Every structure is written in C-alpha cells, then in structure tokens.
Amino acid sequence: MQKVQGFGGFFFRANDHEALAKWYLDHLGINPAPTNMDMEPWITEAGATVFSPFPADTEYFGADKTFMLNFRVADLDAMITQLESRDIEVSDQSETDGLGRFARICDPEGNVIELWEPLA
C-alpha cells in the first residue's frame, strides 16, 4: 500500500491572511507559502507528527473550532519566555507522562496552538 510521506501544507481561511502569515513568521519562525522561486518554504525538522481526528464533541479544544494546531518545540521554557516577552499569553501548561510537556497560545484570529516538547 502506498502511504503519504508527511504534511505538504496546512491551509486554512483567515480574516487577514497576510497579517496572520507575518505573525506566524515573527513569533513561531514559520515561513509563509512561497509566491515565487526566490522564497523558501518552511522546512520542518524530522520528528513525530500526530494525526488525530477527535470526536465532534471534544472538550480538548474550543467547540467553535474544527482544528487545533500542535507544533513541536525543542525547548518549551525558552519558547514560553520568547512569546511572553512579546506579550503573547501562554496558558494550559502541563506535562503528560510518556509524551512530554505542553503549553497553549492563540494566534491573533483565535486559533488554538498547542506547543509540545516531546520527551527526549
């Protein structure tokens, strides 16, 4: 059976797509989608990617959202310090045995972003 190799992109609607793309670049280091051959796409580091449909009534993230982004980070404490220094609220810090540490932020349009520092 043929299998996909990984995510090639994540596409979603935004009220101000240019401002939101800049926010992701400025705060999380995610390059926007290239619009010409001189632009470099975001290149991720190898690691675990979790793909998990949730029940429609999940309380794990907002009932008004159909998705939640989860990004792997190497050093959650350093990322939290960086975000808070830019007045980005960090919430729901937790640790799950066997998985790692987590924290949450929201982008300017209210999309929930979970930051995950996997176990070493």
C-alpha atoms as a PDB file:
ATOM      1  CA  MET A   1       0.000   0.000   0.000  1.00  0.00           C
ATOM      2  CA  GLN A   2       1.267   3.479  -0.867  1.00  0.00           C
ATOM      3  CA  LYS A   3       1.411   5.906   2.078  1.00  0.00           C
ATOM      4  CA  VAL A   4       1.779   9.666   2.265  1.00  0.00           C
ATOM      5  CA  GLN A   5       5.207  10.882   3.373  1.00  0.00           C
ATOM      6  CA  GLY A   6       4.037  13.702   5.615  1.00  0.00           C
ATOM      7  CA  PHE A   7       2.244  17.002   5.520  1.00  0.00           C
ATOM      8  CA  GLY A   8       2.862  19.073   2.427  1.00  0.00           C
ATOM      9  CA  GLY A   9       0.969  22.034   3.844  1.00  0.00           C
ATOM     10  CA  PHE A  10      -1.799  23.192   6.098  1.00  0.00           C
ATOM     11  CA  PHE A  11      -4.299  25.551   4.503  1.00  0.00           C
ATOM     12  CA  PHE A  12      -6.988  27.494   6.334  1.00  0.00           C
ATOM     13  CA  ARG A  13      -9.075  30.621   5.982  1.00  0.00           C
ATOM     14  CA  ALA A  14      -8.074  33.846   7.728  1.00  0.00           C
ATOM     15  CA  ASN A  15      -9.696  37.245   8.006  1.00  0.00           C
ATOM     16  CA  ASP A  16      -6.351  38.956   7.310  1.00  0.00           C
ATOM     17  CA  HIS A  17      -4.185  36.251   5.752  1.00  0.00           C
ATOM     18  CA  GLU A  18      -1.154  38.498   5.180  1.00  0.00           C
ATOM     19  CA  ALA A  19      -1.052  39.762   8.770  1.00  0.00           C
ATOM     20  CA  LEU A  20      -1.585  36.254  10.121  1.00  0.00           C
ATOM     21  CA  ALA A  21       1.214  34.819   7.948  1.00  0.00           C
ATOM     22  CA  LYS A  22       3.527  37.569   9.274  1.00  0.00           C
ATOM     23  CA  TRP A  23       2.517  36.746  12.885  1.00  0.00           C
ATOM     24  CA  TYR A  24       3.443  33.078  12.370  1.00  0.00           C
ATOM     25  CA  LEU A  25       6.784  34.110  10.848  1.00  0.00           C
ATOM     26  CA  ASP A  26       7.591  36.688  13.534  1.00  0.00           C
ATOM     27  CA  HIS A  27       6.597  34.610  16.566  1.00  0.00           C
ATOM     28  CA  LEU A  28       6.988  30.958  15.567  1.00  0.00           C
ATOM     29  CA  GLY A  29       9.501  31.145  12.699  1.00  0.00           C
ATOM     30  CA  ILE A  30       7.165  29.652  10.091  1.00  0.00           C
ATOM     31  CA  ASN A  31       7.927  30.963   6.611  1.00  0.00           C
ATOM     32  CA  PRO A  32       4.820  31.891   4.605  1.00  0.00           C
ATOM     33  CA  ALA A  33       3.926  29.891   1.493  1.00  0.00           C
ATOM     34  CA  PRO A  34       6.279  30.856  -1.338  1.00  0.00           C
ATOM     35  CA  THR A  35       4.798  33.004  -4.059  1.00  0.00           C
ATOM     36  CA  ASN A  36       7.921  32.968  -6.255  1.00  0.00           C
ATOM     37  CA  MET A  37      11.040  30.853  -6.807  1.00  0.00           C
ATOM     38  CA  ASP A  38      13.204  33.086  -4.567  1.00  0.00           C
ATOM     39  CA  MET A  39      11.162  32.391  -1.431  1.00  0.00           C
ATOM     40  CA  GLU A  40      11.966  29.412   0.755  1.00  0.00           C
ATOM     41  CA  PRO A  41       9.136  27.344   2.250  1.00  0.00           C
ATOM     42  CA  TRP A  42       9.064  26.373   5.902  1.00  0.00           C
ATOM     43  CA  ILE A  43      11.264  23.290   6.315  1.00  0.00           C
ATOM     44  CA  THR A  44      10.363  21.249   9.380  1.00  0.00           C
ATOM     45  CA  GLU A  45      12.733  19.161  11.437  1.00  0.00           C
ATOM     46  CA  ALA A  46      12.201  15.411  11.455  1.00  0.00           C
ATOM     47  CA  GLY A  47      10.169  14.119  14.347  1.00  0.00           C
ATOM     48  CA  ALA A  48       6.859  12.713  15.385  1.00  0.00           C
ATOM     49  CA  THR A  49       3.691  14.029  13.751  1.00  0.00           C
ATOM     50  CA  VAL A  50       0.399  13.119  15.350  1.00  0.00           C
ATOM     51  CA  PHE A  51      -2.685  12.906  13.130  1.00  0.00           C
ATOM     52  CA  SER A  52      -5.787  12.505  15.244  1.00  0.00           C
ATOM     53  CA  PRO A  53      -9.416  13.139  14.365  1.00  0.00           C
ATOM     54  CA  PHE A  54     -11.267  13.993  17.575  1.00  0.00           C
ATOM     55  CA  PRO A  55     -14.926  13.336  18.410  1.00  0.00           C
ATOM     56  CA  ALA A  56     -17.166  16.227  17.343  1.00  0.00           C
ATOM     57  CA  ASP A  57     -17.988  16.973  20.990  1.00  0.00           C
ATOM     58  CA  THR A  58     -14.388  17.047  22.269  1.00  0.00           C
ATOM     59  CA  GLU A  59     -13.554  19.482  25.024  1.00  0.00           C
ATOM     60  CA  TYR A  60      -9.810  19.290  24.279  1.00  0.00           C
ATOM     61  CA  PHE A  61     -10.068  22.489  22.234  1.00  0.00           C
ATOM     62  CA  GLY A  62     -12.759  25.077  21.579  1.00  0.00           C
ATOM     63  CA  ALA A  63     -16.160  23.874  20.413  1.00  0.00           C
ATOM     64  CA  ASP A  64     -16.207  26.744  17.903  1.00  0.00           C
ATOM     65  CA  LYS A  65     -13.045  25.418  16.171  1.00  0.00           C
ATOM     66  CA  THR A  66     -12.713  22.466  13.816  1.00  0.00           C
ATOM     67  CA  PHE A  67      -8.953  22.097  14.281  1.00  0.00           C
ATOM     68  CA  MET A  68      -6.090  22.804  16.667  1.00  0.00           C
ATOM     69  CA  LEU A  69      -2.503  23.265  15.575  1.00  0.00           C
ATOM     70  CA  ASN A  70       0.195  21.436  17.523  1.00  0.00           C
ATOM     71  CA  PHE A  71       3.834  22.380  16.957  1.00  0.00           C
ATOM     72  CA  ARG A  72       6.852  20.512  18.289  1.00  0.00           C
ATOM     73  CA  VAL A  73       9.442  22.672  20.069  1.00  0.00           C
ATOM     74  CA  ALA A  74      12.925  21.800  21.296  1.00  0.00           C
ATOM     75  CA  ASP A  75      12.815  23.940  24.464  1.00  0.00           C
ATOM     76  CA  LEU A  76       9.363  24.811  25.761  1.00  0.00           C
ATOM     77  CA  ASP A  77      10.676  27.079  28.522  1.00  0.00           C
ATOM     78  CA  ALA A  78      12.683  29.176  26.035  1.00  0.00           C
ATOM     79  CA  MET A  79       9.694  29.370  23.680  1.00  0.00           C
ATOM     80  CA  ILE A  80       7.403  30.480  26.506  1.00  0.00           C
ATOM     81  CA  THR A  81       9.899  33.165  27.544  1.00  0.00           C
ATOM     82  CA  GLN A  82      10.140  34.383  23.944  1.00  0.00           C
ATOM     83  CA  LEU A  83       6.362  34.517  23.493  1.00  0.00           C
ATOM     84  CA  GLU A  84       5.668  36.206  26.827  1.00  0.00           C
ATOM     85  CA  SER A  85       8.329  38.838  26.066  1.00  0.00           C
ATOM     86  CA  ARG A  86       6.197  39.690  23.017  1.00  0.00           C
ATOM     87  CA  ASP A  87       3.010  39.937  25.115  1.00  0.00           C
ATOM     88  CA  ILE A  88       1.596  36.636  23.882  1.00  0.00           C
ATOM     89  CA  GLU A  89      -0.395  34.914  26.612  1.00  0.00           C
ATOM     90  CA  VAL A  90       0.692  31.351  27.370  1.00  0.00           C
ATOM     91  CA  SER A  91      -1.803  29.074  29.122  1.00  0.00           C
ATOM     92  CA  ASP A  92      -2.570  25.471  29.994  1.00  0.00           C
ATOM     93  CA  GLN A  93       0.985  24.438  30.753  1.00  0.00           C
ATOM     94  CA  SER A  94       1.041  20.741  31.546  1.00  0.00           C
ATOM     95  CA  GLU A  95       3.079  17.584  31.451  1.00  0.00           C
ATOM     96  CA  THR A  96       1.871  14.160  30.354  1.00  0.00           C
ATOM     97  CA  ASP A  97       3.817  11.067  31.404  1.00  0.00           C
ATOM     98  CA  GLY A  98       5.288   9.330  28.396  1.00  0.00           C
ATOM     99  CA  LEU A  99       4.542  12.205  25.996  1.00  0.00           C
ATOM    100  CA  GLY A 100       6.203  15.405  27.181  1.00  0.00           C
ATOM    101  CA  ARG A 101       5.309  18.961  28.109  1.00  0.00           C
ATOM    102  CA  PHE A 102       2.636  21.201  26.609  1.00  0.00           C
ATOM    103  CA  ALA A 103       1.513  24.831  26.598  1.00  0.00           C
ATOM    104  CA  ARG A 104      -1.074  26.750  24.595  1.00  0.00           C
ATOM    105  CA  ILE A 105      -1.276  30.083  22.854  1.00  0.00           C
ATOM    106  CA  CYS A 106      -3.740  31.594  20.391  1.00  0.00           C
ATOM    107  CA  ASP A 107      -2.937  33.365  17.172  1.00  0.00           C
ATOM    108  CA  PRO A 108      -4.459  36.819  16.544  1.00  0.00           C
ATOM    109  CA  GLU A 109      -7.557  35.218  14.983  1.00  0.00           C
ATOM    110  CA  GLY A 110      -8.220  32.967  17.980  1.00  0.00           C
ATOM    111  CA  ASN A 111      -6.868  29.702  16.583  1.00  0.00           C
ATOM    112  CA  VAL A 112      -5.593  27.491  19.392  1.00  0.00           C
ATOM    113  CA  ILE A 113      -1.943  26.467  19.096  1.00  0.00           C
ATOM    114  CA  GLU A 114      -0.556  23.752  21.313  1.00  0.00           C
ATOM    115  CA  LEU A 115       3.208  23.736  21.787  1.00  0.00           C
ATOM    116  CA  TRP A 116       4.696  20.324  22.520  1.00  0.00           C
ATOM    117  CA  GLU A 117       8.143  19.486  23.847  1.00  0.00           C
ATOM    118  CA  PRO A 118       8.351  15.711  23.341  1.00  0.00           C
ATOM    119  CA  LEU A 119      10.303  13.588  25.788  1.00  0.00           C
ATOM    120  CA  ALA A 120      13.982  13.460  24.908  1.00  0.00           C
END
